[in-house]
Amino acid sequence: MAAMEQRMAKVFGLEGDAAWRRHANPWSVYTRIPGPAALVAAIWTYTRLRWWSLIPVGIVCLWLAVNPRVFPPPQSVDHWASRAVLGETFWADRRTTPVPPRHRVAPNILIGINCAGLPFIAWGLVARRGWIALFGLAVHMAGKIWFLDRMALLYDDMASGPSDGAEPR
């Protein structure tokens, strides 16, 4: 796992197979997806609430921190969300266990798209321009959801056994 990915996993308590399996619960994934939008909304409340806005910001941050830890492992991994999270484990371990060639480029591009939305979110929040913040949030979330979809495909390919690099059936 790359150093940055290791640090991110550690921050969210995703060390070891048991932690990743808990996070693979669809409830964990689907209640975490609105997290960036909730955080943007909580920060946006500063205009009205001033320093009291730290309460909703804190609640969102607390939820994002505990979310991967609070759900039990899923009973099956037939859900898209479960496969997406478990695919992330393959992606994170790609230096020791290579992923099929068709999965080597798109995730990096999608991470780039995901990150490309962040400056617009920050700009929109600082300048109090809602449309800029929403644009950034849309770019960020499009990259993240598309990345998760690619991770579900990666899981499908990797869980079905070793590949010679050929496209799956």
N, C-alpha and C. Protein backbone atom coordinates (compact mmCIF):
# COMPACT_ATOMS: atom_id res chain seq x y z
N MET A 1 0.86 -1.17 0.00
CA MET A 1 0.00 0.00 0.00
C MET A 1 0.90 1.23 0.00
N ALA A 2 0.57 2.18 -0.81
CA ALA A 2 1.35 3.41 -0.88
C ALA A 2 1.26 4.15 0.45
N ALA A 3 2.26 4.96 0.74
CA ALA A 3 2.34 5.65 2.03
C ALA A 3 1.09 6.50 2.30
N MET A 4 0.64 7.27 1.30
CA MET A 4 -0.54 8.12 1.49
C MET A 4 -1.78 7.27 1.77
N GLU A 5 -1.93 6.18 1.02
CA GLU A 5 -3.08 5.31 1.22
C GLU A 5 -3.04 4.66 2.60
N GLN A 6 -1.85 4.30 3.07
CA GLN A 6 -1.71 3.72 4.41
C GLN A 6 -2.14 4.72 5.48
N ARG A 7 -1.70 5.98 5.32
CA ARG A 7 -2.07 7.00 6.30
C ARG A 7 -3.58 7.23 6.31
N MET A 8 -4.18 7.30 5.12
CA MET A 8 -5.63 7.51 5.04
C MET A 8 -6.38 6.34 5.68
N ALA A 9 -5.94 5.13 5.39
CA ALA A 9 -6.59 3.94 5.96
C ALA A 9 -6.47 3.96 7.48
N LYS A 10 -5.31 4.34 7.98
CA LYS A 10 -5.11 4.38 9.43
C LYS A 10 -6.00 5.43 10.09
N VAL A 11 -6.12 6.61 9.46
CA VAL A 11 -6.97 7.68 10.00
C VAL A 11 -8.40 7.18 10.16
N PHE A 12 -8.88 6.41 9.18
CA PHE A 12 -10.26 5.93 9.24
C PHE A 12 -10.39 4.56 9.89
N GLY A 13 -9.32 4.08 10.52
CA GLY A 13 -9.39 2.81 11.24
C GLY A 13 -9.50 1.60 10.34
N LEU A 14 -8.95 1.69 9.15
CA LEU A 14 -9.04 0.59 8.19
C LEU A 14 -7.73 -0.16 8.10
N GLU A 15 -7.34 -0.74 9.20
CA GLU A 15 -6.14 -1.57 9.22
C GLU A 15 -6.56 -3.00 9.52
N GLY A 16 -6.21 -3.90 8.64
CA GLY A 16 -6.57 -5.30 8.82
C GLY A 16 -7.83 -5.66 8.07
N ASP A 17 -7.95 -6.95 7.78
CA ASP A 17 -9.10 -7.44 7.00
C ASP A 17 -10.43 -7.22 7.71
N ALA A 18 -10.46 -7.38 9.03
CA ALA A 18 -11.73 -7.23 9.76
C ALA A 18 -12.28 -5.81 9.62
N ALA A 19 -11.41 -4.83 9.69
CA ALA A 19 -11.85 -3.43 9.56
C ALA A 19 -12.41 -3.16 8.16
N TRP A 20 -11.72 -3.65 7.14
CA TRP A 20 -12.20 -3.45 5.77
C TRP A 20 -13.52 -4.17 5.55
N ARG A 21 -13.69 -5.34 6.15
CA ARG A 21 -14.95 -6.07 5.98
C ARG A 21 -16.10 -5.32 6.64
N ARG A 22 -15.86 -4.71 7.81
CA ARG A 22 -16.92 -3.90 8.44
C ARG A 22 -17.28 -2.72 7.54
N HIS A 23 -16.27 -2.09 6.97
CA HIS A 23 -16.52 -0.94 6.09
C HIS A 23 -17.21 -1.37 4.80
N ALA A 24 -17.11 -2.65 4.45
CA ALA A 24 -17.75 -3.15 3.24
C ALA A 24 -19.25 -3.36 3.42
N ASN A 25 -19.76 -3.12 4.61
CA ASN A 25 -21.20 -3.18 4.83
C ASN A 25 -21.84 -2.07 4.00
N PRO A 26 -22.84 -2.40 3.18
CA PRO A 26 -23.46 -1.35 2.34
C PRO A 26 -23.95 -0.15 3.14
N TRP A 27 -24.41 -0.36 4.37
CA TRP A 27 -24.84 0.76 5.20
C TRP A 27 -23.69 1.72 5.46
N SER A 28 -22.50 1.18 5.64
CA SER A 28 -21.33 2.04 5.85
C SER A 28 -21.06 2.88 4.61
N VAL A 29 -21.10 2.24 3.46
CA VAL A 29 -20.80 2.95 2.21
C VAL A 29 -21.87 4.00 1.91
N TYR A 30 -23.13 3.59 1.96
CA TYR A 30 -24.19 4.51 1.55
C TYR A 30 -24.44 5.64 2.54
N THR A 31 -24.05 5.46 3.80
CA THR A 31 -24.19 6.57 4.75
C THR A 31 -22.94 7.44 4.75
N ARG A 32 -21.89 7.00 4.07
CA ARG A 32 -20.68 7.79 3.98
C ARG A 32 -20.64 8.64 2.70
N ILE A 33 -21.29 8.17 1.66
CA ILE A 33 -21.29 8.89 0.37
C ILE A 33 -21.76 10.34 0.51
N PRO A 34 -22.82 10.63 1.27
CA PRO A 34 -23.23 12.03 1.39
C PRO A 34 -22.33 12.87 2.30
N GLY A 35 -21.28 12.27 2.85
CA GLY A 35 -20.40 12.96 3.78
C GLY A 35 -19.82 14.27 3.25
N PRO A 36 -19.25 14.29 2.05
CA PRO A 36 -18.70 15.56 1.56
C PRO A 36 -19.77 16.65 1.42
N ALA A 37 -20.95 16.29 0.93
CA ALA A 37 -22.03 17.28 0.81
C ALA A 37 -22.47 17.77 2.19
N ALA A 38 -22.54 16.85 3.15
CA ALA A 38 -22.92 17.24 4.52
C ALA A 38 -21.87 18.16 5.12
N LEU A 39 -20.60 17.89 4.84
CA LEU A 39 -19.53 18.73 5.37
C LEU A 39 -19.59 20.13 4.74
N VAL A 40 -19.81 20.19 3.44
CA VAL A 40 -19.93 21.49 2.76
C VAL A 40 -21.13 22.26 3.35
N ALA A 41 -22.24 21.59 3.54
CA ALA A 41 -23.42 22.25 4.12
C ALA A 41 -23.14 22.73 5.54
N ALA A 42 -22.45 21.90 6.31
CA ALA A 42 -22.13 22.29 7.69
C ALA A 42 -21.21 23.51 7.72
N ILE A 43 -20.22 23.53 6.85
CA ILE A 43 -19.33 24.70 6.78
C ILE A 43 -20.10 25.93 6.31
N TRP A 44 -21.02 25.73 5.38
CA TRP A 44 -21.81 26.84 4.83
C TRP A 44 -22.63 27.52 5.93
N THR A 45 -22.98 26.80 6.99
CA THR A 45 -23.80 27.38 8.07
C THR A 45 -23.06 28.46 8.84
N TYR A 46 -21.77 28.63 8.59
CA TYR A 46 -21.00 29.65 9.31
C TYR A 46 -21.62 31.04 9.16
N THR A 47 -22.17 31.32 8.00
CA THR A 47 -22.77 32.63 7.75
C THR A 47 -23.86 32.94 8.77
N ARG A 48 -24.65 31.95 9.10
CA ARG A 48 -25.76 32.15 10.04
C ARG A 48 -25.37 31.85 11.49
N LEU A 49 -24.62 30.79 11.68
CA LEU A 49 -24.36 30.32 13.04
C LEU A 49 -23.05 30.82 13.63
N ARG A 50 -22.20 31.38 12.82
CA ARG A 50 -20.86 31.80 13.23
C ARG A 50 -20.14 30.62 13.89
N TRP A 51 -19.56 30.82 15.06
CA TRP A 51 -18.75 29.76 15.66
C TRP A 51 -19.58 28.55 16.07
N TRP A 52 -20.88 28.73 16.21
CA TRP A 52 -21.74 27.59 16.51
C TRP A 52 -21.76 26.59 15.35
N SER A 53 -21.33 27.04 14.18
CA SER A 53 -21.29 26.12 13.03
C SER A 53 -20.28 25.00 13.25
N LEU A 54 -19.39 25.17 14.23
CA LEU A 54 -18.45 24.08 14.54
C LEU A 54 -19.17 22.83 15.05
N ILE A 55 -20.38 23.02 15.57
CA ILE A 55 -21.13 21.85 16.05
C ILE A 55 -21.53 20.95 14.88
N PRO A 56 -22.22 21.46 13.84
CA PRO A 56 -22.52 20.56 12.72
C PRO A 56 -21.26 20.05 12.01
N VAL A 57 -20.24 20.90 11.90
CA VAL A 57 -18.99 20.44 11.28
C VAL A 57 -18.40 19.30 12.10
N GLY A 58 -18.38 19.45 13.41
CA GLY A 58 -17.85 18.39 14.29
C GLY A 58 -18.65 17.11 14.19
N ILE A 59 -19.98 17.24 14.11
CA ILE A 59 -20.83 16.05 14.01
C ILE A 59 -20.53 15.30 12.70
N VAL A 60 -20.42 16.02 11.61
CA VAL A 60 -20.11 15.37 10.32
C VAL A 60 -18.74 14.71 10.38
N CYS A 61 -17.75 15.42 10.90
CA CYS A 61 -16.39 14.85 10.98
C CYS A 61 -16.37 13.62 11.88
N LEU A 62 -17.08 13.68 12.99
CA LEU A 62 -17.15 12.52 13.89
C LEU A 62 -17.79 11.34 13.17
N TRP A 63 -18.87 11.59 12.45
CA TRP A 63 -19.53 10.51 11.72
C TRP A 63 -18.59 9.89 10.68
N LEU A 64 -17.90 10.73 9.94
CA LEU A 64 -16.99 10.21 8.92
C LEU A 64 -15.85 9.40 9.54
N ALA A 65 -15.46 9.76 10.76
CA ALA A 65 -14.37 9.03 11.43
C ALA A 65 -14.85 7.69 11.99
N VAL A 66 -16.06 7.65 12.54
CA VAL A 66 -16.51 6.40 13.17
C VAL A 66 -17.26 5.48 12.20
N ASN A 67 -17.74 6.03 11.10
CA ASN A 67 -18.55 5.26 10.16
C ASN A 67 -17.93 3.92 9.77
N PRO A 68 -16.66 3.84 9.39
CA PRO A 68 -16.12 2.55 8.96
C PRO A 68 -16.04 1.52 10.09
N ARG A 69 -16.19 1.95 11.32
CA ARG A 69 -16.03 1.06 12.46
C ARG A 69 -17.34 0.56 13.07
N VAL A 70 -18.47 1.20 12.76
CA VAL A 70 -19.69 0.93 13.53
C VAL A 70 -20.59 -0.16 12.95
N PHE A 71 -20.39 -0.54 11.71
CA PHE A 71 -21.28 -1.52 11.10
C PHE A 71 -20.65 -2.91 11.14
N PRO A 72 -21.47 -3.95 11.26
CA PRO A 72 -20.92 -5.31 11.23
C PRO A 72 -20.53 -5.68 9.79
N PRO A 73 -19.68 -6.68 9.64
CA PRO A 73 -19.36 -7.13 8.28
C PRO A 73 -20.63 -7.57 7.55
N PRO A 74 -20.70 -7.36 6.25
CA PRO A 74 -21.91 -7.77 5.51
C PRO A 74 -22.02 -9.29 5.48
N GLN A 75 -23.25 -9.76 5.39
CA GLN A 75 -23.46 -11.21 5.32
C GLN A 75 -23.08 -11.75 3.95
N SER A 76 -23.10 -10.88 2.95
CA SER A 76 -22.65 -11.28 1.62
C SER A 76 -22.01 -10.08 0.95
N VAL A 77 -21.21 -10.34 -0.06
CA VAL A 77 -20.58 -9.25 -0.80
C VAL A 77 -21.21 -9.11 -2.18
N ASP A 78 -22.48 -9.48 -2.27
CA ASP A 78 -23.19 -9.37 -3.53
C ASP A 78 -23.61 -7.93 -3.85
N HIS A 79 -23.44 -7.03 -2.90
CA HIS A 79 -23.82 -5.64 -3.10
C HIS A 79 -22.71 -4.88 -3.82
N TRP A 80 -23.10 -3.96 -4.67
CA TRP A 80 -22.13 -3.11 -5.36
C TRP A 80 -21.23 -2.41 -4.36
N ALA A 81 -21.81 -1.88 -3.30
CA ALA A 81 -21.03 -1.12 -2.31
C ALA A 81 -19.98 -2.00 -1.64
N SER A 82 -20.34 -3.22 -1.31
CA SER A 82 -19.39 -4.14 -0.67
C SER A 82 -18.24 -4.46 -1.61
N ARG A 83 -18.57 -4.73 -2.85
CA ARG A 83 -17.53 -5.06 -3.83
C ARG A 83 -16.63 -3.85 -4.09
N ALA A 84 -17.20 -2.64 -4.05
CA ALA A 84 -16.40 -1.43 -4.26
C ALA A 84 -15.37 -1.28 -3.15
N VAL A 85 -15.78 -1.45 -1.91
CA VAL A 85 -14.84 -1.31 -0.79
C VAL A 85 -13.79 -2.40 -0.82
N LEU A 86 -14.20 -3.62 -1.08
CA LEU A 86 -13.23 -4.71 -1.12
C LEU A 86 -12.31 -4.58 -2.33
N GLY A 87 -12.80 -3.99 -3.42
CA GLY A 87 -11.93 -3.69 -4.56
C GLY A 87 -10.86 -2.67 -4.18
N GLU A 88 -11.21 -1.74 -3.29
CA GLU A 88 -10.21 -0.77 -2.82
C GLU A 88 -9.06 -1.47 -2.12
N THR A 89 -9.33 -2.59 -1.46
CA THR A 89 -8.23 -3.31 -0.80
C THR A 89 -7.27 -3.87 -1.84
N PHE A 90 -7.80 -4.36 -2.96
CA PHE A 90 -6.92 -4.83 -4.04
C PHE A 90 -6.12 -3.67 -4.63
N TRP A 91 -6.80 -2.54 -4.83
CA TRP A 91 -6.14 -1.37 -5.40
C TRP A 91 -5.02 -0.90 -4.46
N ALA A 92 -5.32 -0.84 -3.16
CA ALA A 92 -4.33 -0.38 -2.19
C ALA A 92 -3.13 -1.32 -2.12
N ASP A 93 -3.33 -2.60 -2.43
CA ASP A 93 -2.27 -3.61 -2.35
C ASP A 93 -1.64 -3.89 -3.71
N ARG A 94 -1.86 -3.01 -4.68
CA ARG A 94 -1.45 -3.28 -6.05
C ARG A 94 0.06 -3.39 -6.24
N ARG A 95 0.85 -2.88 -5.31
CA ARG A 95 2.30 -2.99 -5.45
C ARG A 95 2.80 -4.39 -5.13
N THR A 96 2.10 -5.11 -4.28
CA THR A 96 2.50 -6.48 -3.96
C THR A 96 1.70 -7.52 -4.73
N THR A 97 0.46 -7.20 -5.06
CA THR A 97 -0.38 -8.08 -5.86
C THR A 97 -0.89 -7.28 -7.05
N PRO A 98 -0.24 -7.41 -8.20
CA PRO A 98 -0.61 -6.59 -9.36
C PRO A 98 -2.08 -6.76 -9.77
N VAL A 99 -2.66 -5.67 -10.21
CA VAL A 99 -4.03 -5.70 -10.70
C VAL A 99 -3.99 -5.91 -12.22
N PRO A 100 -5.08 -6.41 -12.80
CA PRO A 100 -5.11 -6.60 -14.26
C PRO A 100 -4.85 -5.27 -14.99
N PRO A 101 -4.26 -5.35 -16.16
CA PRO A 101 -3.89 -4.14 -16.91
C PRO A 101 -5.04 -3.16 -17.12
N ARG A 102 -6.24 -3.66 -17.31
CA ARG A 102 -7.36 -2.75 -17.58
C ARG A 102 -7.76 -1.90 -16.38
N HIS A 103 -7.17 -2.20 -15.21
CA HIS A 103 -7.49 -1.45 -13.99
C HIS A 103 -6.34 -0.57 -13.52
N ARG A 104 -5.36 -0.35 -14.34
CA ARG A 104 -4.17 0.37 -13.86
C ARG A 104 -4.21 1.88 -14.10
N VAL A 105 -5.00 2.35 -15.06
CA VAL A 105 -4.98 3.76 -15.41
C VAL A 105 -6.21 4.50 -14.87
N ALA A 106 -7.39 3.97 -15.12
CA ALA A 106 -8.63 4.68 -14.77
C ALA A 106 -8.70 5.11 -13.31
N PRO A 107 -8.35 4.25 -12.34
CA PRO A 107 -8.45 4.72 -10.95
C PRO A 107 -7.61 5.96 -10.67
N ASN A 108 -6.43 6.04 -11.25
CA ASN A 108 -5.59 7.23 -11.04
C ASN A 108 -6.23 8.47 -11.64
N ILE A 109 -6.81 8.33 -12.81
CA ILE A 109 -7.50 9.46 -13.44
C ILE A 109 -8.70 9.88 -12.60
N LEU A 110 -9.43 8.91 -12.09
CA LEU A 110 -10.62 9.23 -11.29
C LEU A 110 -10.26 9.85 -9.96
N ILE A 111 -9.14 9.43 -9.37
CA ILE A 111 -8.66 10.10 -8.15
C ILE A 111 -8.32 11.55 -8.49
N GLY A 112 -7.72 11.77 -9.66
CA GLY A 112 -7.43 13.13 -10.10
C GLY A 112 -8.68 13.97 -10.26
N ILE A 113 -9.73 13.38 -10.86
CA ILE A 113 -11.01 14.10 -11.01
C ILE A 113 -11.58 14.41 -9.63
N ASN A 114 -11.56 13.43 -8.76
CA ASN A 114 -12.04 13.60 -7.39
C ASN A 114 -11.34 14.79 -6.74
N CYS A 115 -10.02 14.82 -6.83
CA CYS A 115 -9.23 15.90 -6.21
C CYS A 115 -9.42 17.23 -6.92
N ALA A 116 -9.72 17.20 -8.22
CA ALA A 116 -9.90 18.44 -8.97
C ALA A 116 -11.09 19.24 -8.47
N GLY A 117 -12.06 18.60 -7.86
CA GLY A 117 -13.21 19.32 -7.33
C GLY A 117 -12.92 20.06 -6.03
N LEU A 118 -11.90 19.62 -5.29
CA LEU A 118 -11.64 20.20 -3.98
C LEU A 118 -11.31 21.69 -3.99
N PRO A 119 -10.46 22.18 -4.91
CA PRO A 119 -10.21 23.63 -4.91
C PRO A 119 -11.46 24.46 -5.18
N PHE A 120 -12.36 23.94 -6.00
CA PHE A 120 -13.60 24.67 -6.28
C PHE A 120 -14.50 24.69 -5.05
N ILE A 121 -14.52 23.58 -4.31
CA ILE A 121 -15.29 23.56 -3.06
C ILE A 121 -14.74 24.61 -2.11
N ALA A 122 -13.43 24.61 -1.93
CA ALA A 122 -12.81 25.58 -1.01
C ALA A 122 -13.06 27.01 -1.48
N TRP A 123 -12.88 27.26 -2.78
CA TRP A 123 -13.11 28.59 -3.34
C TRP A 123 -14.55 29.03 -3.09
N GLY A 124 -15.50 28.15 -3.39
CA GLY A 124 -16.91 28.49 -3.20
C GLY A 124 -17.25 28.77 -1.75
N LEU A 125 -16.65 28.02 -0.83
CA LEU A 125 -16.93 28.25 0.59
C LEU A 125 -16.31 29.55 1.08
N VAL A 126 -15.07 29.81 0.69
CA VAL A 126 -14.39 31.02 1.13
C VAL A 126 -15.03 32.26 0.51
N ALA A 127 -15.34 32.21 -0.79
CA ALA A 127 -15.92 33.36 -1.48
C ALA A 127 -17.44 33.47 -1.28
N ARG A 128 -18.01 32.47 -0.60
CA ARG A 128 -19.47 32.43 -0.37
C ARG A 128 -20.23 32.42 -1.69
N ARG A 129 -19.74 31.62 -2.62
CA ARG A 129 -20.37 31.43 -3.92
C ARG A 129 -20.88 30.00 -3.97
N GLY A 130 -22.16 29.84 -3.71
CA GLY A 130 -22.74 28.51 -3.64
C GLY A 130 -22.59 27.71 -4.92
N TRP A 131 -22.73 28.35 -6.06
CA TRP A 131 -22.66 27.61 -7.32
C TRP A 131 -21.25 27.06 -7.55
N ILE A 132 -20.22 27.78 -7.09
CA ILE A 132 -18.85 27.28 -7.26
C ILE A 132 -18.62 26.09 -6.34
N ALA A 133 -19.10 26.19 -5.11
CA ALA A 133 -18.96 25.08 -4.16
C ALA A 133 -19.72 23.86 -4.66
N LEU A 134 -20.92 24.07 -5.20
CA LEU A 134 -21.70 22.95 -5.73
C LEU A 134 -21.06 22.33 -6.96
N PHE A 135 -20.47 23.17 -7.81
CA PHE A 135 -19.74 22.64 -8.97
C PHE A 135 -18.59 21.75 -8.49
N GLY A 136 -17.80 22.25 -7.56
CA GLY A 136 -16.69 21.47 -7.02
C GLY A 136 -17.16 20.18 -6.39
N LEU A 137 -18.25 20.25 -5.67
CA LEU A 137 -18.82 19.06 -5.03
C LEU A 137 -19.27 18.05 -6.08
N ALA A 138 -19.88 18.54 -7.16
CA ALA A 138 -20.31 17.64 -8.23
C ALA A 138 -19.12 16.95 -8.89
N VAL A 139 -18.05 17.69 -9.16
CA VAL A 139 -16.85 17.10 -9.75
C VAL A 139 -16.24 16.09 -8.79
N HIS A 140 -16.11 16.49 -7.54
CA HIS A 140 -15.53 15.61 -6.52
C HIS A 140 -16.32 14.31 -6.40
N MET A 141 -17.62 14.42 -6.29
CA MET A 141 -18.46 13.23 -6.10
C MET A 141 -18.52 12.37 -7.35
N ALA A 142 -18.51 12.99 -8.53
CA ALA A 142 -18.48 12.21 -9.77
C ALA A 142 -17.22 11.36 -9.82
N GLY A 143 -16.09 11.95 -9.48
CA GLY A 143 -14.84 11.19 -9.46
C GLY A 143 -14.88 10.08 -8.44
N LYS A 144 -15.43 10.36 -7.27
CA LYS A 144 -15.46 9.35 -6.19
C LYS A 144 -16.39 8.19 -6.54
N ILE A 145 -17.60 8.48 -7.01
CA ILE A 145 -18.56 7.42 -7.32
C ILE A 145 -18.06 6.59 -8.50
N TRP A 146 -17.50 7.23 -9.49
CA TRP A 146 -16.95 6.50 -10.63
C TRP A 146 -15.77 5.64 -10.18
N PHE A 147 -14.94 6.17 -9.29
CA PHE A 147 -13.83 5.39 -8.72
C PHE A 147 -14.37 4.15 -8.01
N LEU A 148 -15.41 4.32 -7.20
CA LEU A 148 -15.99 3.18 -6.49
C LEU A 148 -16.52 2.14 -7.48
N ASP A 149 -17.12 2.62 -8.57
CA ASP A 149 -17.62 1.68 -9.56
C ASP A 149 -16.47 0.88 -10.17
N ARG A 150 -15.37 1.55 -10.47
CA ARG A 150 -14.18 0.85 -11.00
C ARG A 150 -13.64 -0.14 -9.97
N MET A 151 -13.73 0.21 -8.69
CA MET A 151 -13.25 -0.71 -7.64
C MET A 151 -14.13 -1.95 -7.56
N ALA A 152 -15.44 -1.79 -7.79
CA ALA A 152 -16.32 -2.96 -7.82
C ALA A 152 -15.95 -3.87 -8.99
N LEU A 153 -15.64 -3.28 -10.14
CA LEU A 153 -15.19 -4.07 -11.28
C LEU A 153 -13.85 -4.75 -10.99
N LEU A 154 -12.96 -4.04 -10.34
CA LEU A 154 -11.67 -4.63 -9.97
C LEU A 154 -11.88 -5.81 -9.03
N TYR A 155 -12.76 -5.65 -8.06
CA TYR A 155 -13.05 -6.75 -7.14
C TYR A 155 -13.57 -7.96 -7.92
N ASP A 156 -14.50 -7.72 -8.83
CA ASP A 156 -15.06 -8.82 -9.63
C ASP A 156 -13.95 -9.57 -10.38
N ASP A 157 -13.03 -8.82 -10.97
CA ASP A 157 -11.94 -9.45 -11.72
C ASP A 157 -10.96 -10.18 -10.80
N MET A 158 -10.60 -9.57 -9.69
CA MET A 158 -9.60 -10.15 -8.80
C MET A 158 -10.17 -11.32 -7.99
N ALA A 159 -11.41 -11.22 -7.59
CA ALA A 159 -12.01 -12.29 -6.78
C ALA A 159 -12.28 -13.54 -7.60
N SER A 160 -12.38 -13.38 -8.92
CA SER A 160 -12.65 -14.54 -9.77
C SER A 160 -11.40 -15.36 -10.03
N GLY A 161 -10.24 -14.90 -9.54
CA GLY A 161 -9.01 -15.68 -9.68
C GLY A 161 -7.97 -14.93 -10.48
N PRO A 162 -6.78 -15.52 -10.55
CA PRO A 162 -5.69 -14.86 -11.28
C PRO A 162 -6.03 -14.68 -12.75
N SER A 163 -5.51 -13.59 -13.28
CA SER A 163 -5.78 -13.28 -14.68
C SER A 163 -4.46 -13.16 -15.42
N ASP A 164 -4.49 -13.50 -16.69
CA ASP A 164 -3.29 -13.36 -17.51
C ASP A 164 -3.24 -11.97 -18.16
N GLY A 165 -4.13 -11.10 -17.69
CA GLY A 165 -4.17 -9.75 -18.27
C GLY A 165 -5.22 -9.61 -19.36
N ALA A 166 -5.83 -10.71 -19.74
CA ALA A 166 -6.86 -10.65 -20.78
C ALA A 166 -8.13 -10.05 -20.19
N GLU A 167 -8.93 -9.50 -21.04
CA GLU A 167 -10.21 -8.96 -20.60
C GLU A 167 -11.09 -10.10 -20.08
N PRO A 168 -11.89 -9.81 -19.05
CA PRO A 168 -12.76 -10.87 -18.51
C PRO A 168 -13.83 -11.26 -19.52
N ARG A 169 -14.40 -12.40 -19.29
CA ARG A 169 -15.42 -12.95 -20.19
C ARG A 169 -16.57 -12.02 -20.38
